[in-house]
Each structure stands twice: as C-alpha cells, then as structure tokens.
Amino acid sequence: MAAADGTVVYINLKPSLSNYGNYLVVRHVVEGMEIYSLYAHLSAVSTGLKIGAPVKQGEVIATMGRTSNAEVIAKDRAHVHFGIERARQRQLCRLVKTASPGERNDHGEWNGQNL
C-alpha cells in the first residue's frame, strides 16, 4: 500500500535489469520535503497504475513477491523491500556516463545508486 499520498514516478517491470526485480517509486511531498518511497521485489503492480498516476495513502499499488536479478528468492521468503529515500542527484545519468562510460544505467535517475 502507498505509504502516503503521492505520484508514481517510476515502474520497472523487467526484473532481470535490477537487484530490486520488479519495483516502483512514488514521489511524496511531506511538510515541504520531497521524498520517495520504494517498493521492490514485487510480483505485480496494480492494474492500470502508470507513471504520473496519483496514489492515496493506503491505496493498494502492488503485490509483494520475490523478483530479483541477483539471487533466487525462495517462495517462503516472498517480501516487499520498502524504503523511504531522498534523490541524491538529478544529474546522476550525466555523471555516470562521464565517470563510467561503459556502465549500464537501465533506470536513469531511478536506479539504486541514486535512491
């Protein structure tokens, strides 16, 4: 469920491209501070949920699961990886290209290095 009112800013449904597997990120503004909630290892994202969609606190936005590209998560360990984060750098994509020109960045500013 959504931790607070917000807007969906990113959805990854290609589990092989992330240690987080399927994940989504929601942007919130709480007392004037911009924060992001991250929901990862999902088996599914709610039908019709898209980038830019508003969500309400407590709204069902996904189903926990066990997706990942790095390890096989056993059925009995299905879970949701939840985080409350601040974005580190809006210029991350440019910085990664400059510092590590051969490194893949499949998720732009919404990858794990930036949250």
PDB file of N, CA and C in Angstrom:
ATOM      1  N   MET A   1       0.844  -1.183   0.000  1.00  0.00           N
ATOM      2  CA  MET A   1       0.000   0.000   0.000  1.00  0.00           C
ATOM      3  C   MET A   1       0.887   1.244   0.000  1.00  0.00           C
ATOM      4  N   ALA A   2       0.400   2.288  -0.606  1.00  0.00           N
ATOM      5  CA  ALA A   2       1.156   3.538  -0.654  1.00  0.00           C
ATOM      6  C   ALA A   2       1.343   4.084   0.754  1.00  0.00           C
ATOM      7  N   ALA A   3       2.570   4.483   1.055  1.00  0.00           N
ATOM      8  CA  ALA A   3       2.907   4.990   2.383  1.00  0.00           C
ATOM      9  C   ALA A   3       2.271   6.347   2.667  1.00  0.00           C
ATOM     10  N   ALA A   4       2.055   7.138   1.618  1.00  0.00           N
ATOM     11  CA  ALA A   4       1.477   8.479   1.750  1.00  0.00           C
ATOM     12  C   ALA A   4       0.925   8.882   0.391  1.00  0.00           C
ATOM     13  N   ASP A   5       0.139   9.952   0.355  1.00  0.00           N
ATOM     14  CA  ASP A   5      -0.319  10.479  -0.929  1.00  0.00           C
ATOM     15  C   ASP A   5       0.889  10.825  -1.776  1.00  0.00           C
ATOM     16  N   GLY A   6       0.793  10.597  -3.078  1.00  0.00           N
ATOM     17  CA  GLY A   6       1.916  10.918  -3.944  1.00  0.00           C
ATOM     18  C   GLY A   6       1.623  10.653  -5.399  1.00  0.00           C
ATOM     19  N   THR A   7       2.695  10.618  -6.188  1.00  0.00           N
ATOM     20  CA  THR A   7       2.613  10.399  -7.627  1.00  0.00           C
ATOM     21  C   THR A   7       3.629   9.344  -8.026  1.00  0.00           C
ATOM     22  N   VAL A   8       3.202   8.383  -8.830  1.00  0.00           N
ATOM     23  CA  VAL A   8       4.119   7.352  -9.316  1.00  0.00           C
ATOM     24  C   VAL A   8       5.112   8.006 -10.275  1.00  0.00           C
ATOM     25  N   VAL A   9       6.411   7.811 -10.010  1.00  0.00           N
ATOM     26  CA  VAL A   9       7.435   8.398 -10.878  1.00  0.00           C
ATOM     27  C   VAL A   9       8.211   7.356 -11.669  1.00  0.00           C
ATOM     28  N   TYR A  10       8.173   6.091 -11.224  1.00  0.00           N
ATOM     29  CA  TYR A  10       8.915   5.073 -11.966  1.00  0.00           C
ATOM     30  C   TYR A  10       8.338   3.692 -11.679  1.00  0.00           C
ATOM     31  N   ILE A  11       8.273   2.873 -12.722  1.00  0.00           N
ATOM     32  CA  ILE A  11       7.873   1.473 -12.601  1.00  0.00           C
ATOM     33  C   ILE A  11       8.842   0.646 -13.432  1.00  0.00           C
ATOM     34  N   ASN A  12       9.465  -0.349 -12.814  1.00  0.00           N
ATOM     35  CA  ASN A  12      10.307  -1.292 -13.552  1.00  0.00           C
ATOM     36  C   ASN A  12       9.619  -2.650 -13.544  1.00  0.00           C
ATOM     37  N   LEU A  13       9.278  -3.149 -14.725  1.00  0.00           N
ATOM     38  CA  LEU A  13       8.667  -4.470 -14.843  1.00  0.00           C
ATOM     39  C   LEU A  13       9.567  -5.428 -15.610  1.00  0.00           C
ATOM     40  N   LYS A  14      10.873  -5.154 -15.569  1.00  0.00           N
ATOM     41  CA  LYS A  14      11.868  -6.038 -16.187  1.00  0.00           C
ATOM     42  C   LYS A  14      12.793  -6.510 -15.071  1.00  0.00           C
ATOM     43  N   PRO A  15      12.400  -7.556 -14.330  1.00  0.00           N
ATOM     44  CA  PRO A  15      13.160  -7.957 -13.144  1.00  0.00           C
ATOM     45  C   PRO A  15      14.618  -8.302 -13.424  1.00  0.00           C
ATOM     46  N   SER A  16      14.928  -8.738 -14.628  1.00  0.00           N
ATOM     47  CA  SER A  16      16.312  -9.106 -14.934  1.00  0.00           C
ATOM     48  C   SER A  16      17.245  -7.899 -14.987  1.00  0.00           C
ATOM     49  N   LEU A  17      16.687  -6.688 -14.982  1.00  0.00           N
ATOM     50  CA  LEU A  17      17.506  -5.479 -15.074  1.00  0.00           C
ATOM     51  C   LEU A  17      17.788  -4.824 -13.724  1.00  0.00           C
ATOM     52  N   SER A  18      17.442  -5.496 -12.613  1.00  0.00           N
ATOM     53  CA  SER A  18      17.636  -4.843 -11.320  1.00  0.00           C
ATOM     54  C   SER A  18      17.727  -5.854 -10.183  1.00  0.00           C
ATOM     55  N   ASN A  19      18.604  -5.578  -9.214  1.00  0.00           N
ATOM     56  CA  ASN A  19      18.622  -6.378  -7.981  1.00  0.00           C
ATOM     57  C   ASN A  19      17.283  -6.284  -7.259  1.00  0.00           C
ATOM     58  N   TYR A  20      16.552  -5.183  -7.507  1.00  0.00           N
ATOM     59  CA  TYR A  20      15.237  -4.985  -6.898  1.00  0.00           C
ATOM     60  C   TYR A  20      14.154  -5.795  -7.605  1.00  0.00           C
ATOM     61  N   GLY A  21      14.457  -6.414  -8.751  1.00  0.00           N
ATOM     62  CA  GLY A  21      13.433  -7.108  -9.526  1.00  0.00           C
ATOM     63  C   GLY A  21      12.409  -6.101 -10.026  1.00  0.00           C
ATOM     64  N   ASN A  22      11.134  -6.465  -9.982  1.00  0.00           N
ATOM     65  CA  ASN A  22      10.074  -5.505 -10.311  1.00  0.00           C
ATOM     66  C   ASN A  22       9.976  -4.515  -9.159  1.00  0.00           C
ATOM     67  N   TYR A  23       9.978  -3.216  -9.477  1.00  0.00           N
ATOM     68  CA  TYR A  23       9.858  -2.222  -8.404  1.00  0.00           C
ATOM     69  C   TYR A  23       9.181  -0.967  -8.905  1.00  0.00           C
ATOM     70  N   LEU A  24       8.701  -0.180  -7.959  1.00  0.00           N
ATOM     71  CA  LEU A  24       8.129   1.114  -8.312  1.00  0.00           C
ATOM     72  C   LEU A  24       8.552   2.148  -7.284  1.00  0.00           C
ATOM     73  N   VAL A  25       8.525   3.409  -7.726  1.00  0.00           N
ATOM     74  CA  VAL A  25       8.925   4.542  -6.895  1.00  0.00           C
ATOM     75  C   VAL A  25       7.789   5.561  -6.921  1.00  0.00           C
ATOM     76  N   VAL A  26       7.418   6.059  -5.756  1.00  0.00           N
ATOM     77  CA  VAL A  26       6.372   7.070  -5.618  1.00  0.00           C
ATOM     78  C   VAL A  26       6.987   8.324  -4.996  1.00  0.00           C
ATOM     79  N   ARG A  27       6.689   9.479  -5.587  1.00  0.00           N
ATOM     80  CA  ARG A  27       7.158  10.778  -5.072  1.00  0.00           C
ATOM     81  C   ARG A  27       6.112  11.330  -4.124  1.00  0.00           C
ATOM     82  N   HIS A  28       6.571  11.826  -2.973  1.00  0.00           N
ATOM     83  CA  HIS A  28       5.703  12.441  -1.972  1.00  0.00           C
ATOM     84  C   HIS A  28       6.280  13.804  -1.600  1.00  0.00           C
ATOM     85  N   VAL A  29       5.419  14.705  -1.194  1.00  0.00           N
ATOM     86  CA  VAL A  29       5.873  15.958  -0.586  1.00  0.00           C
ATOM     87  C   VAL A  29       5.251  15.981   0.810  1.00  0.00           C
ATOM     88  N   VAL A  30       6.116  15.894   1.818  1.00  0.00           N
ATOM     89  CA  VAL A  30       5.670  15.847   3.205  1.00  0.00           C
ATOM     90  C   VAL A  30       6.266  17.041   3.930  1.00  0.00           C
ATOM     91  N   GLU A  31       5.398  17.925   4.399  1.00  0.00           N
ATOM     92  CA  GLU A  31       5.819  19.144   5.083  1.00  0.00           C
ATOM     93  C   GLU A  31       6.860  19.901   4.263  1.00  0.00           C
ATOM     94  N   GLY A  32       6.637  19.957   2.955  1.00  0.00           N
ATOM     95  CA  GLY A  32       7.502  20.709   2.054  1.00  0.00           C
ATOM     96  C   GLY A  32       8.748  19.968   1.592  1.00  0.00           C
ATOM     97  N   MET A  33       8.982  18.748   2.118  1.00  0.00           N
ATOM     98  CA  MET A  33      10.163  17.983   1.742  1.00  0.00           C
ATOM     99  C   MET A  33       9.788  16.930   0.694  1.00  0.00           C
ATOM    100  N   GLU A  34      10.581  16.870  -0.375  1.00  0.00           N
ATOM    101  CA  GLU A  34      10.370  15.891  -1.428  1.00  0.00           C
ATOM    102  C   GLU A  34      11.051  14.582  -1.020  1.00  0.00           C
ATOM    103  N   ILE A  35      10.260  13.514  -0.885  1.00  0.00           N
ATOM    104  CA  ILE A  35      10.795  12.198  -0.552  1.00  0.00           C
ATOM    105  C   ILE A  35      10.182  11.168  -1.498  1.00  0.00           C
ATOM    106  N   TYR A  36      10.795   9.988  -1.508  1.00  0.00           N
ATOM    107  CA  TYR A  36      10.353   8.918  -2.404  1.00  0.00           C
ATOM    108  C   TYR A  36      10.199   7.637  -1.611  1.00  0.00           C
ATOM    109  N   SER A  37       9.137   6.897  -1.906  1.00  0.00           N
ATOM    110  CA  SER A  37       9.005   5.565  -1.332  1.00  0.00           C
ATOM    111  C   SER A  37       9.278   4.549  -2.433  1.00  0.00           C
ATOM    112  N   LEU A  38      10.018   3.521  -2.075  1.00  0.00           N
ATOM    113  CA  LEU A  38      10.441   2.478  -2.997  1.00  0.00           C
ATOM    114  C   LEU A  38       9.816   1.165  -2.547  1.00  0.00           C
ATOM    115  N   TYR A  39       9.237   0.432  -3.496  1.00  0.00           N
ATOM    116  CA  TYR A  39       8.602  -0.861  -3.237  1.00  0.00           C
ATOM    117  C   TYR A  39       9.220  -1.847  -4.222  1.00  0.00           C
ATOM    118  N   ALA A  40       9.945  -2.856  -3.721  1.00  0.00           N
ATOM    119  CA  ALA A  40      10.722  -3.723  -4.605  1.00  0.00           C
ATOM    120  C   ALA A  40      10.458  -5.206  -4.352  1.00  0.00           C
ATOM    121  N   HIS A  41      10.914  -6.030  -5.297  1.00  0.00           N
ATOM    122  CA  HIS A  41      10.747  -7.492  -5.327  1.00  0.00           C
ATOM    123  C   HIS A  41       9.288  -7.861  -5.559  1.00  0.00           C
ATOM    124  N   LEU A  42       8.566  -7.020  -6.267  1.00  0.00           N
ATOM    125  CA  LEU A  42       7.130  -7.184  -6.455  1.00  0.00           C
ATOM    126  C   LEU A  42       6.803  -8.315  -7.427  1.00  0.00           C
ATOM    127  N   SER A  43       5.703  -9.004  -7.163  1.00  0.00           N
ATOM    128  CA  SER A  43       5.228  -9.988  -8.133  1.00  0.00           C
ATOM    129  C   SER A  43       4.345  -9.295  -9.168  1.00  0.00           C
ATOM    130  N   ALA A  44       3.696  -8.200  -8.772  1.00  0.00           N
ATOM    131  CA  ALA A  44       2.826  -7.474  -9.701  1.00  0.00           C
ATOM    132  C   ALA A  44       2.620  -6.045  -9.219  1.00  0.00           C
ATOM    133  N   VAL A  45       2.367  -5.170 -10.176  1.00  0.00           N
ATOM    134  CA  VAL A  45       1.969  -3.785  -9.909  1.00  0.00           C
ATOM    135  C   VAL A  45       0.474  -3.711 -10.205  1.00  0.00           C
ATOM    136  N   SER A  46      -0.256  -2.956  -9.425  1.00  0.00           N
ATOM    137  CA  SER A  46      -1.705  -2.873  -9.609  1.00  0.00           C
ATOM    138  C   SER A  46      -2.077  -2.513 -11.048  1.00  0.00           C
ATOM    139  N   THR A  47      -3.091  -3.179 -11.554  1.00  0.00           N
ATOM    140  CA  THR A  47      -3.559  -2.967 -12.914  1.00  0.00           C
ATOM    141  C   THR A  47      -3.899  -1.498 -13.143  1.00  0.00           C
ATOM    142  N   GLY A  48      -3.396  -0.956 -14.233  1.00  0.00           N
ATOM    143  CA  GLY A  48      -3.689   0.426 -14.600  1.00  0.00           C
ATOM    144  C   GLY A  48      -2.777   1.462 -13.971  1.00  0.00           C
ATOM    145  N   LEU A  49      -1.928   1.060 -13.029  1.00  0.00           N
ATOM    146  CA  LEU A  49      -1.011   2.017 -12.397  1.00  0.00           C
ATOM    147  C   LEU A  49       0.072   2.395 -13.396  1.00  0.00           C
ATOM    148  N   LYS A  50       0.240   3.684 -13.636  1.00  0.00           N
ATOM    149  CA  LYS A  50       1.202   4.172 -14.617  1.00  0.00           C
ATOM    150  C   LYS A  50       1.996   5.334 -14.038  1.00  0.00           C
ATOM    151  N   ILE A  51       3.128   5.621 -14.683  1.00  0.00           N
ATOM    152  CA  ILE A  51       3.915   6.786 -14.294  1.00  0.00           C
ATOM    153  C   ILE A  51       3.037   8.028 -14.434  1.00  0.00           C
ATOM    154  N   GLY A  52       3.065   8.873 -13.419  1.00  0.00           N
ATOM    155  CA  GLY A  52       2.250  10.085 -13.397  1.00  0.00           C
ATOM    156  C   GLY A  52       0.926   9.917 -12.673  1.00  0.00           C
ATOM    157  N   ALA A  53       0.573   8.675 -12.341  1.00  0.00           N
ATOM    158  CA  ALA A  53      -0.704   8.432 -11.656  1.00  0.00           C
ATOM    159  C   ALA A  53      -0.627   8.878 -10.198  1.00  0.00           C
ATOM    160  N   PRO A  54      -1.659   9.563  -9.723  1.00  0.00           N
ATOM    161  CA  PRO A  54      -1.688   9.904  -8.303  1.00  0.00           C
ATOM    162  C   PRO A  54      -2.088   8.672  -7.494  1.00  0.00           C
ATOM    163  N   VAL A  55      -1.548   8.559  -6.274  1.00  0.00           N
ATOM    164  CA  VAL A  55      -1.941   7.493  -5.359  1.00  0.00           C
ATOM    165  C   VAL A  55      -2.271   8.106  -4.014  1.00  0.00           C
ATOM    166  N   LYS A  56      -3.137   7.444  -3.290  1.00  0.00           N
ATOM    167  CA  LYS A  56      -3.547   7.896  -1.956  1.00  0.00           C
ATOM    168  C   LYS A  56      -2.935   6.994  -0.896  1.00  0.00           C
ATOM    169  N   GLN A  57      -2.648   7.556   0.250  1.00  0.00           N
ATOM    170  CA  GLN A  57      -2.113   6.773   1.354  1.00  0.00           C
ATOM    171  C   GLN A  57      -3.016   5.578   1.612  1.00  0.00           C
ATOM    172  N   GLY A  58      -2.428   4.390   1.717  1.00  0.00           N
ATOM    173  CA  GLY A  58      -3.182   3.173   1.987  1.00  0.00           C
ATOM    174  C   GLY A  58      -3.722   2.476   0.753  1.00  0.00           C
ATOM    175  N   GLU A  59      -3.620   3.118  -0.409  1.00  0.00           N
ATOM    176  CA  GLU A  59      -4.093   2.506  -1.654  1.00  0.00           C
ATOM    177  C   GLU A  59      -3.202   1.322  -2.026  1.00  0.00           C
ATOM    178  N   VAL A  60      -3.808   0.229  -2.448  1.00  0.00           N
ATOM    179  CA  VAL A  60      -3.038  -0.933  -2.898  1.00  0.00           C
ATOM    180  C   VAL A  60      -2.402  -0.584  -4.241  1.00  0.00           C
ATOM    181  N   ILE A  61      -1.064  -0.651  -4.286  1.00  0.00           N
ATOM    182  CA  ILE A  61      -0.345  -0.286  -5.508  1.00  0.00           C
ATOM    183  C   ILE A  61       0.432  -1.457  -6.104  1.00  0.00           C
ATOM    184  N   ALA A  62       0.630  -2.528  -5.315  1.00  0.00           N
ATOM    185  CA  ALA A  62       1.401  -3.667  -5.807  1.00  0.00           C
ATOM    186  C   ALA A  62       1.197  -4.868  -4.896  1.00  0.00           C
ATOM    187  N   THR A  63       1.737  -6.004  -5.363  1.00  0.00           N
ATOM    188  CA  THR A  63       1.707  -7.241  -4.589  1.00  0.00           C
ATOM    189  C   THR A  63       3.142  -7.667  -4.315  1.00  0.00           C
ATOM    190  N   MET A  64       3.446  -7.962  -3.059  1.00  0.00           N
ATOM    191  CA  MET A  64       4.807  -8.384  -2.734  1.00  0.00           C
ATOM    192  C   MET A  64       5.140  -9.673  -3.474  1.00  0.00           C
ATOM    193  N   GLY A  65       6.445  -9.893  -3.635  1.00  0.00           N
ATOM    194  CA  GLY A  65       6.846 -11.071  -4.379  1.00  0.00           C
ATOM    195  C   GLY A  65       8.263 -11.486  -4.050  1.00  0.00           C
ATOM    196  N   ARG A  66       8.956 -11.965  -5.091  1.00  0.00           N
ATOM    197  CA  ARG A  66      10.316 -12.460  -4.880  1.00  0.00           C
ATOM    198  C   ARG A  66      11.170 -12.277  -6.125  1.00  0.00           C
ATOM    199  N   THR A  67      10.890 -11.222  -6.908  1.00  0.00           N
ATOM    200  CA  THR A  67      11.658 -10.974  -8.122  1.00  0.00           C
ATOM    201  C   THR A  67      12.995 -10.326  -7.799  1.00  0.00           C
ATOM    202  N   SER A  68      14.012 -10.685  -8.593  1.00  0.00           N
ATOM    203  CA  SER A  68      15.359 -10.147  -8.449  1.00  0.00           C
ATOM    204  C   SER A  68      16.189 -10.638  -9.618  1.00  0.00           C
ATOM    205  N   ASN A  69      17.281  -9.948  -9.917  1.00  0.00           N
ATOM    206  CA  ASN A  69      18.194 -10.448 -10.945  1.00  0.00           C
ATOM    207  C   ASN A  69      19.422 -11.093 -10.319  1.00  0.00           C
ATOM    208  N   ALA A  70      19.613 -10.917  -9.020  1.00  0.00           N
ATOM    209  CA  ALA A  70      20.861 -11.325  -8.391  1.00  0.00           C
ATOM    210  C   ALA A  70      20.776 -12.655  -7.656  1.00  0.00           C
ATOM    211  N   GLU A  71      19.658 -12.947  -7.056  1.00  0.00           N
ATOM    212  CA  GLU A  71      19.530 -14.165  -6.275  1.00  0.00           C
ATOM    213  C   GLU A  71      18.152 -14.763  -6.506  1.00  0.00           C
ATOM    214  N   VAL A  72      18.041 -16.050  -6.284  1.00  0.00           N
ATOM    215  CA  VAL A  72      16.742 -16.692  -6.340  1.00  0.00           C
ATOM    216  C   VAL A  72      16.137 -16.566  -4.947  1.00  0.00           C
ATOM    217  N   ILE A  73      15.026 -15.879  -4.867  1.00  0.00           N
ATOM    218  CA  ILE A  73      14.353 -15.693  -3.584  1.00  0.00           C
ATOM    219  C   ILE A  73      13.335 -16.823  -3.444  1.00  0.00           C
ATOM    220  N   ALA A  74      13.477 -17.625  -2.403  1.00  0.00           N
ATOM    221  CA  ALA A  74      12.591 -18.761  -2.186  1.00  0.00           C
ATOM    222  C   ALA A  74      11.149 -18.304  -1.976  1.00  0.00           C
ATOM    223  N   LYS A  75      10.203 -19.173  -2.328  1.00  0.00           N
ATOM    224  CA  LYS A  75       8.778 -18.848  -2.165  1.00  0.00           C
ATOM    225  C   LYS A  75       8.444 -18.447  -0.733  1.00  0.00           C
ATOM    226  N   ASP A  76       9.060 -19.122   0.230  1.00  0.00           N
ATOM    227  CA  ASP A  76       8.749 -18.812   1.630  1.00  0.00           C
ATOM    228  C   ASP A  76       9.409 -17.526   2.111  1.00  0.00           C
ATOM    229  N   ARG A  77      10.201 -16.887   1.240  1.00  0.00           N
ATOM    230  CA  ARG A  77      10.835 -15.608   1.590  1.00  0.00           C
ATOM    231  C   ARG A  77      10.246 -14.444   0.789  1.00  0.00           C
ATOM    232  N   ALA A  78       9.092 -14.649   0.154  1.00  0.00           N
ATOM    233  CA  ALA A  78       8.445 -13.552  -0.576  1.00  0.00           C
ATOM    234  C   ALA A  78       8.276 -12.364   0.370  1.00  0.00           C
ATOM    235  N   HIS A  79       8.568 -11.174  -0.123  1.00  0.00           N
ATOM    236  CA  HIS A  79       8.527  -9.978   0.722  1.00  0.00           C
ATOM    237  C   HIS A  79       8.483  -8.731  -0.156  1.00  0.00           C
ATOM    238  N   VAL A  80       8.311  -7.603   0.488  1.00  0.00           N
ATOM    239  CA  VAL A  80       8.464  -6.322  -0.189  1.00  0.00           C
ATOM    240  C   VAL A  80       9.644  -5.604   0.458  1.00  0.00           C
ATOM    241  N   HIS A  81      10.543  -5.124  -0.363  1.00  0.00           N
ATOM    242  CA  HIS A  81      11.660  -4.293   0.104  1.00  0.00           C
ATOM    243  C   HIS A  81      11.114  -2.868   0.054  1.00  0.00           C
ATOM    244  N   PHE A  82      10.978  -2.241   1.203  1.00  0.00           N
ATOM    245  CA  PHE A  82      10.384  -0.904   1.293  1.00  0.00           C
ATOM    246  C   PHE A  82      11.436   0.075   1.779  1.00  0.00           C
ATOM    247  N   GLY A  83      11.490   1.213   1.138  1.00  0.00           N
ATOM    248  CA  GLY A  83      12.420   2.244   1.576  1.00  0.00           C
ATOM    249  C   GLY A  83      11.815   3.624   1.432  1.00  0.00           C
ATOM    250  N   ILE A  84      12.227   4.508   2.302  1.00  0.00           N
ATOM    251  CA  ILE A  84      11.882   5.932   2.181  1.00  0.00           C
ATOM    252  C   ILE A  84      13.198   6.641   1.920  1.00  0.00           C
ATOM    253  N   GLU A  85      13.259   7.337   0.803  1.00  0.00           N
ATOM    254  CA  GLU A  85      14.537   7.850   0.307  1.00  0.00           C
ATOM    255  C   GLU A  85      14.425   9.311  -0.120  1.00  0.00           C
ATOM    256  N   ARG A  86      15.584   9.909  -0.316  1.00  0.00           N
ATOM    257  CA  ARG A  86      15.688  11.205  -0.980  1.00  0.00           C
ATOM    258  C   ARG A  86      16.531  10.982  -2.216  1.00  0.00           C
ATOM    259  N   ALA A  87      16.202  11.639  -3.305  1.00  0.00           N
ATOM    260  CA  ALA A  87      17.011  11.518  -4.520  1.00  0.00           C
ATOM    261  C   ALA A  87      18.332  12.232  -4.263  1.00  0.00           C
ATOM    262  N   ARG A  88      19.427  11.597  -4.638  1.00  0.00           N
ATOM    263  CA  ARG A  88      20.743  12.192  -4.395  1.00  0.00           C
ATOM    264  C   ARG A  88      21.107  13.243  -5.423  1.00  0.00           C
ATOM    265  N   GLN A  89      20.940  12.908  -6.703  1.00  0.00           N
ATOM    266  CA  GLN A  89      21.407  13.814  -7.750  1.00  0.00           C
ATOM    267  C   GLN A  89      20.478  13.772  -8.953  1.00  0.00           C
ATOM    268  N   ARG A  90      20.000  14.899  -9.373  1.00  0.00           N
ATOM    269  CA  ARG A  90      19.210  14.953 -10.602  1.00  0.00           C
ATOM    270  C   ARG A  90      20.109  14.738 -11.820  1.00  0.00           C
ATOM    271  N   GLN A  91      21.401  14.978 -11.670  1.00  0.00           N
ATOM    272  CA  GLN A  91      22.348  14.859 -12.779  1.00  0.00           C
ATOM    273  C   GLN A  91      23.034  13.494 -12.808  1.00  0.00           C
ATOM    274  N   LEU A  92      22.501  12.496 -12.071  1.00  0.00           N
ATOM    275  CA  LEU A  92      23.178  11.210 -11.965  1.00  0.00           C
ATOM    276  C   LEU A  92      23.483  10.593 -13.328  1.00  0.00           C
ATOM    277  N   CYS A  93      22.529  10.613 -14.239  1.00  0.00           N
ATOM    278  CA  CYS A  93      22.734   9.982 -15.551  1.00  0.00           C
ATOM    279  C   CYS A  93      23.975  10.551 -16.238  1.00  0.00           C
ATOM    280  N   ARG A  94      24.110  11.862 -16.225  1.00  0.00           N
ATOM    281  CA  ARG A  94      25.266  12.512 -16.856  1.00  0.00           C
ATOM    282  C   ARG A  94      26.553  12.160 -16.124  1.00  0.00           C
ATOM    283  N   LEU A  95      26.515  12.163 -14.800  1.00  0.00           N
ATOM    284  CA  LEU A  95      27.707  11.845 -14.012  1.00  0.00           C
ATOM    285  C   LEU A  95      28.174  10.409 -14.241  1.00  0.00           C
ATOM    286  N   VAL A  96      27.240   9.452 -14.311  1.00  0.00           N
ATOM    287  CA  VAL A  96      27.600   8.053 -14.553  1.00  0.00           C
ATOM    288  C   VAL A  96      28.239   7.915 -15.931  1.00  0.00           C
ATOM    289  N   LYS A  97      27.673   8.570 -16.934  1.00  0.00           N
ATOM    290  CA  LYS A  97      28.241   8.491 -18.289  1.00  0.00           C
ATOM    291  C   LYS A  97      29.657   9.050 -18.327  1.00  0.00           C
ATOM    292  N   THR A  98      29.914  10.109 -17.571  1.00  0.00           N
ATOM    293  CA  THR A  98      31.237  10.726 -17.549  1.00  0.00           C
ATOM    294  C   THR A  98      32.231   9.875 -16.760  1.00  0.00           C
ATOM    295  N   ALA A  99      31.840   9.443 -15.568  1.00  0.00           N
ATOM    296  CA  ALA A  99      32.739   8.708 -14.685  1.00  0.00           C
ATOM    297  C   ALA A  99      32.927   7.247 -15.102  1.00  0.00           C
ATOM    298  N   SER A 100      31.876   6.642 -15.634  1.00  0.00           N
ATOM    299  CA  SER A 100      31.916   5.217 -16.012  1.00  0.00           C
ATOM    300  C   SER A 100      31.246   5.039 -17.373  1.00  0.00           C
ATOM    301  N   PRO A 101      31.900   5.465 -18.439  1.00  0.00           N
ATOM    302  CA  PRO A 101      31.250   5.477 -19.747  1.00  0.00           C
ATOM    303  C   PRO A 101      30.743   4.124 -20.229  1.00  0.00           C
ATOM    304  N   GLY A 102      31.290   3.010 -19.744  1.00  0.00           N
ATOM    305  CA  GLY A 102      30.840   1.700 -20.191  1.00  0.00           C
ATOM    306  C   GLY A 102      29.777   1.063 -19.305  1.00  0.00           C
ATOM    307  N   GLU A 103      29.415   1.738 -18.206  1.00  0.00           N
ATOM    308  CA  GLU A 103      28.468   1.162 -17.253  1.00  0.00           C
ATOM    309  C   GLU A 103      27.035   1.377 -17.707  1.00  0.00           C
ATOM    310  N   ARG A 104      26.231   0.308 -17.646  1.00  0.00           N
ATOM    311  CA  ARG A 104      24.811   0.405 -17.994  1.00  0.00           C
ATOM    312  C   ARG A 104      24.044   1.128 -16.898  1.00  0.00           C
ATOM    313  N   ASN A 105      23.044   1.886 -17.311  1.00  0.00           N
ATOM    314  CA  ASN A 105      22.119   2.510 -16.374  1.00  0.00           C
ATOM    315  C   ASN A 105      20.728   2.366 -16.975  1.00  0.00           C
ATOM    316  N   ASP A 106      20.100   1.236 -16.703  1.00  0.00           N
ATOM    317  CA  ASP A 106      18.798   0.925 -17.296  1.00  0.00           C
ATOM    318  C   ASP A 106      17.646   1.706 -16.694  1.00  0.00           C
ATOM    319  N   HIS A 107      17.863   2.373 -15.556  1.00  0.00           N
ATOM    320  CA  HIS A 107      16.758   3.006 -14.844  1.00  0.00           C
ATOM    321  C   HIS A 107      16.910   4.515 -14.673  1.00  0.00           C
ATOM    322  N   GLY A 108      17.860   5.119 -15.370  1.00  0.00           N
ATOM    323  CA  GLY A 108      18.026   6.569 -15.283  1.00  0.00           C
ATOM    324  C   GLY A 108      18.222   7.022 -13.853  1.00  0.00           C
ATOM    325  N   GLU A 109      17.559   8.106 -13.473  1.00  0.00           N
ATOM    326  CA  GLU A 109      17.738   8.627 -12.120  1.00  0.00           C
ATOM    327  C   GLU A 109      17.042   7.788 -11.060  1.00  0.00           C
ATOM    328  N   TRP A 110      16.285   6.757 -11.468  1.00  0.00           N
ATOM    329  CA  TRP A 110      15.556   5.938 -10.505  1.00  0.00           C
ATOM    330  C   TRP A 110      16.264   4.615 -10.224  1.00  0.00           C
ATOM    331  N   ASN A 111      17.558   4.558 -10.435  1.00  0.00           N
ATOM    332  CA  ASN A 111      18.285   3.333 -10.097  1.00  0.00           C
ATOM    333  C   ASN A 111      18.723   3.355  -8.636  1.00  0.00           C
ATOM    334  N   GLY A 112      19.216   2.210  -8.160  1.00  0.00           N
ATOM    335  CA  GLY A 112      19.582   2.066  -6.753  1.00  0.00           C
ATOM    336  C   GLY A 112      20.726   2.949  -6.309  1.00  0.00           C
ATOM    337  N   GLN A 113      21.566   3.424  -7.242  1.00  0.00           N
ATOM    338  CA  GLN A 113      22.673   4.306  -6.861  1.00  0.00           C
ATOM    339  C   GLN A 113      22.174   5.687  -6.455  1.00  0.00           C
ATOM    340  N   ASN A 114      20.987   6.041  -6.903  1.00  0.00           N
ATOM    341  CA  ASN A 114      20.505   7.400  -6.697  1.00  0.00           C
ATOM    342  C   ASN A 114      19.444   7.488  -5.601  1.00  0.00           C
ATOM    343  N   LEU A 115      18.974   6.390  -5.110  1.00  0.00           N
ATOM    344  CA  LEU A 115      17.969   6.426  -4.040  1.00  0.00           C
ATOM    345  C   LEU A 115      18.530   5.780  -2.786  1.00  0.00           C
TER     346      LEU A 115
END
